[in-house]
Amino acid sequence: MGDTEDGATLGADRSSGSRPSALRADPIGGRERQAAMPAPEPPLDGDELLEAVTEAMVELHRRYYQRKPVTAKTRMLGDDLLACVLGGVYTDVEKTMIELERAPTVRDTRNTFQDAMQQKFIDKVERLSGRNVTAFISDSHIGPDIEIELFMLTPTPS
């Protein structure tokens, strides 16, 4: 789409300047990918991280779906699983498709788009947390209208 690597500007995205980064192996696909941009100085944690990730996920949703979710919250489960739950995510077109019993088409389209966009989501979380994302899972649900973004993080640096 000709976007910058960073995507939309977000007030809560406290990333530092752009410094060159090294390539690293992608644990999901085994191919090399560009390492995440430098983390905020210092990386965020606790409630500050949760708030920043929520804002980043809402902003990405607004930018690419042209609307914000109705609800959004992020929680840390243990030390390594970051979960963001977005509610009221479907566009009017998607709602119409669901009403016309085309829900599988809506889910397939969202899943395909999310697969294509996953690196933007991963990059945001890596910059905010200062930790690498080793796995990313995204899925949407119809009735209730919910989308979930799960990020498995590397251990906290000692």
Protein backbone atom coordinates (compact mmCIF):
# COMPACT_ATOMS: atom_id res chain seq x y z
CA MET A 1 0.00 0.00 0.00
CA GLY A 2 3.05 2.28 -0.04
CA ASP A 3 2.95 2.81 3.69
CA THR A 4 5.94 3.59 5.81
CA GLU A 5 7.23 0.73 7.92
CA ASP A 6 5.88 2.47 11.01
CA GLY A 7 2.32 2.88 9.70
CA ALA A 8 0.21 5.59 11.29
CA THR A 9 1.58 8.09 13.73
CA LEU A 10 0.36 7.35 17.22
CA GLY A 11 0.83 9.51 20.28
CA ALA A 12 1.43 6.48 22.51
CA ASP A 13 4.09 5.09 20.18
CA ARG A 14 7.15 6.31 22.01
CA SER A 15 9.69 4.79 19.63
CA SER A 16 13.07 6.39 19.32
CA GLY A 17 14.69 7.52 16.10
CA SER A 18 15.30 5.19 13.20
CA ARG A 19 18.62 3.42 13.46
CA PRO A 20 19.71 0.65 11.09
CA SER A 21 18.74 -2.79 12.33
CA ALA A 22 20.10 -6.22 11.55
CA LEU A 23 18.33 -9.07 9.82
CA ARG A 24 17.30 -12.03 11.95
CA ALA A 25 15.69 -15.39 11.36
CA ASP A 26 11.91 -15.37 11.49
CA PRO A 27 10.88 -18.11 13.97
CA ILE A 28 7.46 -18.42 12.31
CA GLY A 29 8.48 -18.85 8.67
CA GLY A 30 12.19 -19.60 8.91
CA ARG A 31 13.09 -16.74 6.57
CA GLU A 32 15.05 -13.63 7.39
CA ARG A 33 13.18 -10.47 8.23
CA GLN A 34 14.14 -7.00 9.31
CA ALA A 35 14.60 -6.76 13.08
CA ALA A 36 12.21 -4.49 14.94
CA MET A 37 12.91 -0.81 15.25
CA PRO A 38 14.57 0.21 18.49
CA ALA A 39 12.38 0.07 21.58
CA PRO A 40 11.25 3.17 23.44
CA GLU A 41 13.90 4.38 25.87
CA PRO A 42 13.37 2.57 28.21
CA PRO A 43 10.88 -0.04 26.93
CA LEU A 44 7.41 0.22 28.42
CA ASP A 45 6.02 -2.25 30.94
CA GLY A 46 3.09 -2.68 33.28
CA ASP A 47 -0.01 -0.55 32.76
CA GLU A 48 1.91 1.87 30.53
CA LEU A 49 2.70 -0.95 28.07
CA LEU A 50 -0.88 -2.25 28.14
CA GLU A 51 -2.28 1.21 27.42
CA ALA A 52 0.19 1.86 24.61
CA VAL A 53 -0.49 -1.51 22.94
CA THR A 54 -4.25 -0.92 23.17
CA GLU A 55 -3.85 2.50 21.55
CA ALA A 56 -1.60 1.06 18.83
CA MET A 57 -4.05 -1.76 17.98
CA VAL A 58 -6.97 0.70 17.89
CA GLU A 59 -5.00 3.03 15.62
CA LEU A 60 -4.01 0.21 13.24
CA HIS A 61 -7.64 -0.88 13.08
CA ARG A 62 -8.81 2.67 12.43
CA ARG A 63 -6.24 3.17 9.72
CA TYR A 64 -6.86 -0.04 7.79
CA TYR A 65 -10.58 -0.61 8.41
CA GLN A 66 -11.51 3.09 8.47
CA ARG A 67 -13.17 2.79 11.89
CA LYS A 68 -12.15 2.30 15.47
CA PRO A 69 -13.35 -0.71 17.45
CA VAL A 70 -16.08 0.08 19.97
CA THR A 71 -14.09 -1.47 22.84
CA ALA A 72 -10.44 -2.41 23.30
CA LYS A 73 -8.38 -3.78 26.15
CA THR A 74 -4.99 -5.42 26.50
CA ARG A 75 -3.85 -7.77 29.24
CA MET A 76 -0.62 -9.54 30.05
CA LEU A 77 -1.14 -13.21 30.79
CA GLY A 78 1.84 -14.42 32.75
CA ASP A 79 5.16 -12.93 31.70
CA ASP A 80 5.07 -13.79 28.02
CA LEU A 81 1.56 -13.63 26.52
CA LEU A 82 0.11 -10.26 25.56
CA ALA A 83 -3.58 -10.37 24.57
CA CYS A 84 -5.54 -7.53 23.00
CA VAL A 85 -9.31 -7.95 22.64
CA LEU A 86 -11.19 -5.58 20.35
CA GLY A 87 -15.00 -5.45 20.30
CA GLY A 88 -17.37 -3.98 17.73
CA VAL A 89 -14.85 -4.33 14.92
CA TYR A 90 -16.93 -5.06 11.84
CA THR A 91 -17.56 -2.46 9.17
CA ASP A 92 -21.04 -1.79 7.79
CA VAL A 93 -20.15 -3.82 4.68
CA GLU A 94 -19.04 -6.77 6.82
CA LYS A 95 -22.18 -6.54 8.97
CA THR A 96 -24.29 -6.62 5.82
CA MET A 97 -22.38 -9.67 4.55
CA ILE A 98 -22.95 -11.40 7.90
CA GLU A 99 -26.69 -10.60 7.75
CA LEU A 100 -26.74 -12.11 4.24
CA GLU A 101 -25.27 -15.31 5.69
CA ARG A 102 -21.82 -14.70 4.22
CA ALA A 103 -19.97 -14.86 7.55
CA PRO A 104 -17.32 -17.33 6.24
CA THR A 105 -16.39 -14.81 3.54
CA VAL A 106 -16.00 -12.06 6.15
CA ARG A 107 -13.78 -14.27 8.35
CA ASP A 108 -11.69 -15.45 5.38
CA THR A 109 -11.15 -11.89 4.18
CA ARG A 110 -10.20 -10.66 7.66
CA ASN A 111 -7.84 -13.59 8.22
CA THR A 112 -6.16 -13.10 4.84
CA PHE A 113 -5.74 -9.38 5.48
CA GLN A 114 -4.38 -10.03 8.99
CA ASP A 115 -1.84 -12.51 7.60
CA ALA A 116 -0.64 -9.82 5.21
CA MET A 117 -0.52 -7.18 7.96
CA GLN A 118 0.97 -9.24 10.79
CA GLN A 119 4.43 -7.64 10.59
CA LYS A 120 2.99 -4.16 11.25
CA PHE A 121 1.29 -5.49 14.41
CA ILE A 122 4.43 -7.35 15.53
CA ASP A 123 6.67 -4.32 14.91
CA LYS A 124 4.44 -2.11 17.08
CA VAL A 125 4.51 -4.52 20.02
CA GLU A 126 8.26 -5.12 19.70
CA ARG A 127 9.00 -1.37 19.71
CA LEU A 128 6.73 -0.69 22.67
CA SER A 129 7.80 -3.65 24.81
CA GLY A 130 11.47 -3.89 23.86
CA ARG A 131 10.92 -7.64 23.46
CA ASN A 132 10.77 -9.84 20.39
CA VAL A 133 7.50 -11.46 19.38
CA THR A 134 8.07 -15.19 18.82
CA ALA A 135 4.49 -15.95 17.75
CA PHE A 136 1.48 -13.91 16.69
CA ILE A 137 -2.08 -15.20 16.45
CA SER A 138 -5.02 -13.13 15.25
CA ASP A 139 -8.61 -14.22 14.87
CA SER A 140 -12.07 -12.73 14.71
CA HIS A 141 -15.40 -13.99 15.98
CA ILE A 142 -18.92 -13.32 14.80
CA GLY A 143 -21.66 -13.08 17.44
CA PRO A 144 -20.28 -11.47 19.54
CA ASP A 145 -18.30 -9.19 17.28
CA ILE A 146 -14.75 -9.66 18.66
CA GLU A 147 -11.20 -9.70 17.34
CA ILE A 148 -8.25 -10.96 19.38
CA GLU A 149 -4.55 -10.31 18.84
CA LEU A 150 -2.15 -12.57 20.77
CA PHE A 151 1.57 -11.89 21.00
CA MET A 152 3.96 -14.45 22.52
CA LEU A 153 6.96 -12.46 23.80
CA THR A 154 10.52 -13.51 24.51
CA PRO A 155 11.49 -13.57 28.19
CA THR A 156 12.02 -10.25 29.93
CA PRO A 157 15.68 -9.17 29.66
CA SER A 158 17.51 -9.66 32.95
